[in-house]
Amino acid sequence: MAEGAGPIEEDQRQNMAIVADALDTVFNGTARGKDRKIAFVVLSARFGDIEGGRVNYISNAERADTISMMKELVARMEGRYSDGTGSQQ
């Protein structure tokens, strides 16, 4: 699993790795590496400390792909994403 610019907070590392391994198995079965079909990202943050606090993430994708997925998600949530048909999703 790929990690970002800093390590996952130690008290969350084991649980996030367990969740990521479980998701990878559910989405991709026994496929690994380039044979996987589904990429995912798991984010975690402490309630009450989300804005301006630390966000941890773990993903089964390369860092650049994870960033692309997150940028598209944010654009969709903010209404800035167009699928090319003129409608926003």
N, C-alpha and C. Protein backbone atom coordinates (compact mmCIF):
# COMPACT_ATOMS: atom_id res chain seq x y z
N MET A 1 0.84 -1.17 0.00
CA MET A 1 0.00 0.00 0.00
C MET A 1 0.89 1.24 0.00
N ALA A 2 0.52 2.21 -0.79
CA ALA A 2 1.31 3.42 -0.91
C ALA A 2 0.93 4.41 0.18
N GLU A 3 1.91 5.09 0.74
CA GLU A 3 1.68 6.13 1.73
C GLU A 3 2.20 7.44 1.18
N GLY A 4 1.71 8.56 1.74
CA GLY A 4 2.03 9.88 1.20
C GLY A 4 3.27 10.51 1.80
N ALA A 5 3.23 11.83 1.90
CA ALA A 5 4.39 12.62 2.28
C ALA A 5 4.89 12.34 3.69
N GLY A 6 4.01 11.90 4.55
CA GLY A 6 4.43 11.59 5.91
C GLY A 6 3.82 10.27 6.32
N PRO A 7 4.37 9.69 7.35
CA PRO A 7 3.84 8.40 7.79
C PRO A 7 2.46 8.55 8.42
N ILE A 8 1.69 7.49 8.36
CA ILE A 8 0.41 7.44 9.05
C ILE A 8 0.70 7.54 10.54
N GLU A 9 -0.15 8.27 11.25
CA GLU A 9 0.04 8.36 12.70
C GLU A 9 0.09 6.96 13.28
N GLU A 10 1.01 6.75 14.18
CA GLU A 10 1.30 5.41 14.69
C GLU A 10 0.07 4.73 15.27
N ASP A 11 -0.79 5.47 15.96
CA ASP A 11 -1.95 4.84 16.58
C ASP A 11 -3.03 4.44 15.58
N GLN A 12 -2.88 4.86 14.32
CA GLN A 12 -3.84 4.50 13.28
C GLN A 12 -3.26 3.54 12.24
N ARG A 13 -1.96 3.37 12.24
CA ARG A 13 -1.27 2.60 11.20
C ARG A 13 -1.80 1.17 11.07
N GLN A 14 -1.87 0.43 12.15
CA GLN A 14 -2.27 -0.97 12.07
C GLN A 14 -3.72 -1.11 11.58
N ASN A 15 -4.63 -0.31 12.12
CA ASN A 15 -6.03 -0.41 11.69
C ASN A 15 -6.20 -0.02 10.22
N MET A 16 -5.50 1.01 9.78
CA MET A 16 -5.61 1.41 8.38
C MET A 16 -5.05 0.33 7.46
N ALA A 17 -3.97 -0.31 7.86
CA ALA A 17 -3.40 -1.39 7.04
C ALA A 17 -4.37 -2.57 6.96
N ILE A 18 -5.02 -2.89 8.07
CA ILE A 18 -6.00 -3.98 8.07
C ILE A 18 -7.16 -3.66 7.15
N VAL A 19 -7.69 -2.44 7.24
CA VAL A 19 -8.80 -2.02 6.37
C VAL A 19 -8.37 -2.04 4.91
N ALA A 20 -7.18 -1.53 4.60
CA ALA A 20 -6.69 -1.50 3.22
C ALA A 20 -6.52 -2.90 2.66
N ASP A 21 -5.96 -3.80 3.45
CA ASP A 21 -5.79 -5.19 2.99
C ASP A 21 -7.15 -5.83 2.73
N ALA A 22 -8.11 -5.59 3.62
CA ALA A 22 -9.44 -6.16 3.45
C ALA A 22 -10.12 -5.61 2.20
N LEU A 23 -10.04 -4.28 2.00
CA LEU A 23 -10.63 -3.68 0.80
C LEU A 23 -9.99 -4.20 -0.47
N ASP A 24 -8.68 -4.33 -0.47
CA ASP A 24 -7.98 -4.83 -1.65
C ASP A 24 -8.46 -6.24 -1.98
N THR A 25 -8.65 -7.06 -0.98
CA THR A 25 -9.14 -8.43 -1.20
C THR A 25 -10.57 -8.42 -1.71
N VAL A 26 -11.43 -7.58 -1.13
CA VAL A 26 -12.83 -7.51 -1.57
C VAL A 26 -12.91 -7.02 -3.03
N PHE A 27 -12.18 -5.97 -3.35
CA PHE A 27 -12.24 -5.39 -4.70
C PHE A 27 -11.46 -6.18 -5.73
N ASN A 28 -10.33 -6.77 -5.34
CA ASN A 28 -9.41 -7.36 -6.32
C ASN A 28 -9.13 -8.84 -6.13
N GLY A 29 -9.74 -9.46 -5.14
CA GLY A 29 -9.50 -10.88 -4.91
C GLY A 29 -8.03 -11.14 -4.64
N THR A 30 -7.49 -12.11 -5.33
CA THR A 30 -6.09 -12.46 -5.13
C THR A 30 -5.15 -11.71 -6.08
N ALA A 31 -5.72 -10.90 -6.98
CA ALA A 31 -4.89 -10.13 -7.92
C ALA A 31 -4.02 -9.14 -7.17
N ARG A 32 -2.80 -8.96 -7.60
CA ARG A 32 -1.88 -8.01 -6.98
C ARG A 32 -1.16 -7.25 -8.09
N GLY A 33 -0.56 -6.13 -7.70
CA GLY A 33 0.21 -5.34 -8.65
C GLY A 33 -0.62 -4.87 -9.83
N LYS A 34 -0.08 -4.98 -11.01
CA LYS A 34 -0.74 -4.50 -12.23
C LYS A 34 -1.98 -5.31 -12.60
N ASP A 35 -2.18 -6.47 -11.97
CA ASP A 35 -3.35 -7.31 -12.27
C ASP A 35 -4.62 -6.82 -11.57
N ARG A 36 -4.48 -5.92 -10.59
CA ARG A 36 -5.65 -5.39 -9.89
C ARG A 36 -6.48 -4.52 -10.83
N LYS A 37 -7.77 -4.50 -10.60
CA LYS A 37 -8.69 -3.71 -11.43
C LYS A 37 -9.23 -2.48 -10.72
N ILE A 38 -9.30 -2.50 -9.39
CA ILE A 38 -9.92 -1.42 -8.63
C ILE A 38 -8.90 -0.76 -7.70
N ALA A 39 -8.80 0.56 -7.80
CA ALA A 39 -7.95 1.34 -6.91
C ALA A 39 -8.83 2.00 -5.86
N PHE A 40 -8.27 2.22 -4.68
CA PHE A 40 -9.03 2.88 -3.62
C PHE A 40 -8.10 3.72 -2.75
N VAL A 41 -8.74 4.62 -1.97
CA VAL A 41 -8.05 5.45 -1.00
C VAL A 41 -8.88 5.42 0.29
N VAL A 42 -8.21 5.29 1.41
CA VAL A 42 -8.87 5.38 2.71
C VAL A 42 -8.28 6.59 3.43
N LEU A 43 -9.15 7.49 3.89
CA LEU A 43 -8.73 8.66 4.65
C LEU A 43 -9.19 8.50 6.08
N SER A 44 -8.41 9.02 7.01
CA SER A 44 -8.85 9.06 8.41
C SER A 44 -8.38 10.36 9.03
N ALA A 45 -9.21 10.88 9.92
CA ALA A 45 -8.89 12.10 10.67
C ALA A 45 -9.67 12.04 11.98
N ARG A 46 -9.19 12.77 12.94
CA ARG A 46 -9.87 12.81 14.23
C ARG A 46 -11.04 13.79 14.18
N PHE A 47 -12.21 13.33 14.63
CA PHE A 47 -13.35 14.24 14.74
C PHE A 47 -12.96 15.42 15.60
N GLY A 48 -13.40 16.61 15.21
CA GLY A 48 -13.07 17.81 15.94
C GLY A 48 -11.73 18.40 15.56
N ASP A 49 -10.96 17.68 14.74
CA ASP A 49 -9.63 18.15 14.35
C ASP A 49 -9.41 17.91 12.86
N ILE A 50 -10.51 17.89 12.09
CA ILE A 50 -10.39 17.58 10.67
C ILE A 50 -9.83 18.76 9.90
N GLU A 51 -10.47 19.93 10.04
CA GLU A 51 -9.97 21.10 9.32
C GLU A 51 -8.76 21.65 10.06
N GLY A 52 -7.64 21.69 9.40
CA GLY A 52 -6.40 22.17 10.01
C GLY A 52 -5.66 21.10 10.79
N GLY A 53 -6.27 19.94 10.92
CA GLY A 53 -5.63 18.83 11.63
C GLY A 53 -4.92 17.91 10.66
N ARG A 54 -4.61 16.74 11.12
CA ARG A 54 -3.89 15.75 10.32
C ARG A 54 -4.88 14.81 9.64
N VAL A 55 -4.69 14.59 8.35
CA VAL A 55 -5.44 13.58 7.61
C VAL A 55 -4.45 12.50 7.21
N ASN A 56 -4.75 11.27 7.57
CA ASN A 56 -3.94 10.13 7.19
C ASN A 56 -4.58 9.46 5.99
N TYR A 57 -3.77 8.87 5.13
CA TYR A 57 -4.36 8.10 4.03
C TYR A 57 -3.52 6.87 3.74
N ILE A 58 -4.21 5.89 3.19
CA ILE A 58 -3.55 4.69 2.68
C ILE A 58 -4.27 4.32 1.40
N SER A 59 -3.56 3.80 0.44
CA SER A 59 -4.13 3.48 -0.87
C SER A 59 -3.42 2.27 -1.45
N ASN A 60 -4.11 1.60 -2.35
CA ASN A 60 -3.45 0.51 -3.07
C ASN A 60 -2.92 1.00 -4.42
N ALA A 61 -3.03 2.30 -4.67
CA ALA A 61 -2.60 2.90 -5.94
C ALA A 61 -1.28 3.65 -5.75
N GLU A 62 -0.65 3.96 -6.85
CA GLU A 62 0.53 4.81 -6.82
C GLU A 62 0.13 6.20 -6.33
N ARG A 63 1.06 6.92 -5.74
CA ARG A 63 0.77 8.24 -5.17
C ARG A 63 0.16 9.18 -6.21
N ALA A 64 0.71 9.23 -7.41
CA ALA A 64 0.19 10.14 -8.45
C ALA A 64 -1.26 9.79 -8.81
N ASP A 65 -1.58 8.50 -8.88
CA ASP A 65 -2.96 8.09 -9.18
C ASP A 65 -3.89 8.43 -8.03
N THR A 66 -3.40 8.28 -6.81
CA THR A 66 -4.19 8.63 -5.63
C THR A 66 -4.52 10.11 -5.64
N ILE A 67 -3.54 10.94 -5.95
CA ILE A 67 -3.76 12.38 -6.03
C ILE A 67 -4.79 12.71 -7.11
N SER A 68 -4.69 12.07 -8.27
CA SER A 68 -5.66 12.29 -9.35
C SER A 68 -7.07 11.91 -8.92
N MET A 69 -7.21 10.76 -8.24
CA MET A 69 -8.53 10.34 -7.76
C MET A 69 -9.10 11.36 -6.80
N MET A 70 -8.26 11.85 -5.88
CA MET A 70 -8.74 12.80 -4.88
C MET A 70 -9.09 14.15 -5.51
N LYS A 71 -8.31 14.59 -6.50
CA LYS A 71 -8.62 15.85 -7.19
C LYS A 71 -9.96 15.75 -7.90
N GLU A 72 -10.20 14.62 -8.58
CA GLU A 72 -11.48 14.45 -9.27
C GLU A 72 -12.63 14.42 -8.27
N LEU A 73 -12.45 13.73 -7.16
CA LEU A 73 -13.49 13.66 -6.14
C LEU A 73 -13.84 15.05 -5.62
N VAL A 74 -12.82 15.83 -5.28
CA VAL A 74 -13.05 17.18 -4.77
C VAL A 74 -13.75 18.03 -5.83
N ALA A 75 -13.31 17.95 -7.07
CA ALA A 75 -13.95 18.72 -8.16
C ALA A 75 -15.42 18.33 -8.29
N ARG A 76 -15.74 17.05 -8.21
CA ARG A 76 -17.13 16.60 -8.28
C ARG A 76 -17.93 17.14 -7.11
N MET A 77 -17.36 17.06 -5.92
CA MET A 77 -18.08 17.51 -4.72
C MET A 77 -18.31 19.01 -4.73
N GLU A 78 -17.40 19.75 -5.34
CA GLU A 78 -17.54 21.20 -5.42
C GLU A 78 -18.31 21.64 -6.66
N GLY A 79 -18.75 20.69 -7.49
CA GLY A 79 -19.51 21.03 -8.68
C GLY A 79 -18.68 21.56 -9.83
N ARG A 80 -17.38 21.33 -9.81
CA ARG A 80 -16.49 21.82 -10.86
C ARG A 80 -16.15 20.77 -11.90
N TYR A 81 -16.65 19.54 -11.74
CA TYR A 81 -16.29 18.46 -12.65
C TYR A 81 -17.31 18.35 -13.78
N SER A 82 -16.82 18.29 -15.00
CA SER A 82 -17.68 18.06 -16.15
C SER A 82 -17.22 16.78 -16.85
N ASP A 83 -18.18 15.95 -17.20
CA ASP A 83 -17.83 14.69 -17.86
C ASP A 83 -17.69 14.85 -19.37
N GLY A 84 -17.75 16.07 -19.86
CA GLY A 84 -17.58 16.33 -21.29
C GLY A 84 -18.89 16.40 -22.04
N THR A 85 -20.01 16.13 -21.38
CA THR A 85 -21.31 16.19 -22.06
C THR A 85 -22.04 17.48 -21.73
N GLY A 86 -21.40 18.32 -20.93
CA GLY A 86 -22.04 19.58 -20.56
C GLY A 86 -22.76 19.49 -19.22
N SER A 87 -22.91 18.29 -18.70
CA SER A 87 -23.56 18.16 -17.39
C SER A 87 -22.51 17.94 -16.31
N GLN A 88 -22.77 18.47 -15.15
CA GLN A 88 -21.86 18.27 -14.03
C GLN A 88 -22.41 17.15 -13.17
N GLN A 89 -21.51 16.34 -12.62
CA GLN A 89 -21.92 15.22 -11.77
C GLN A 89 -21.53 15.48 -10.34
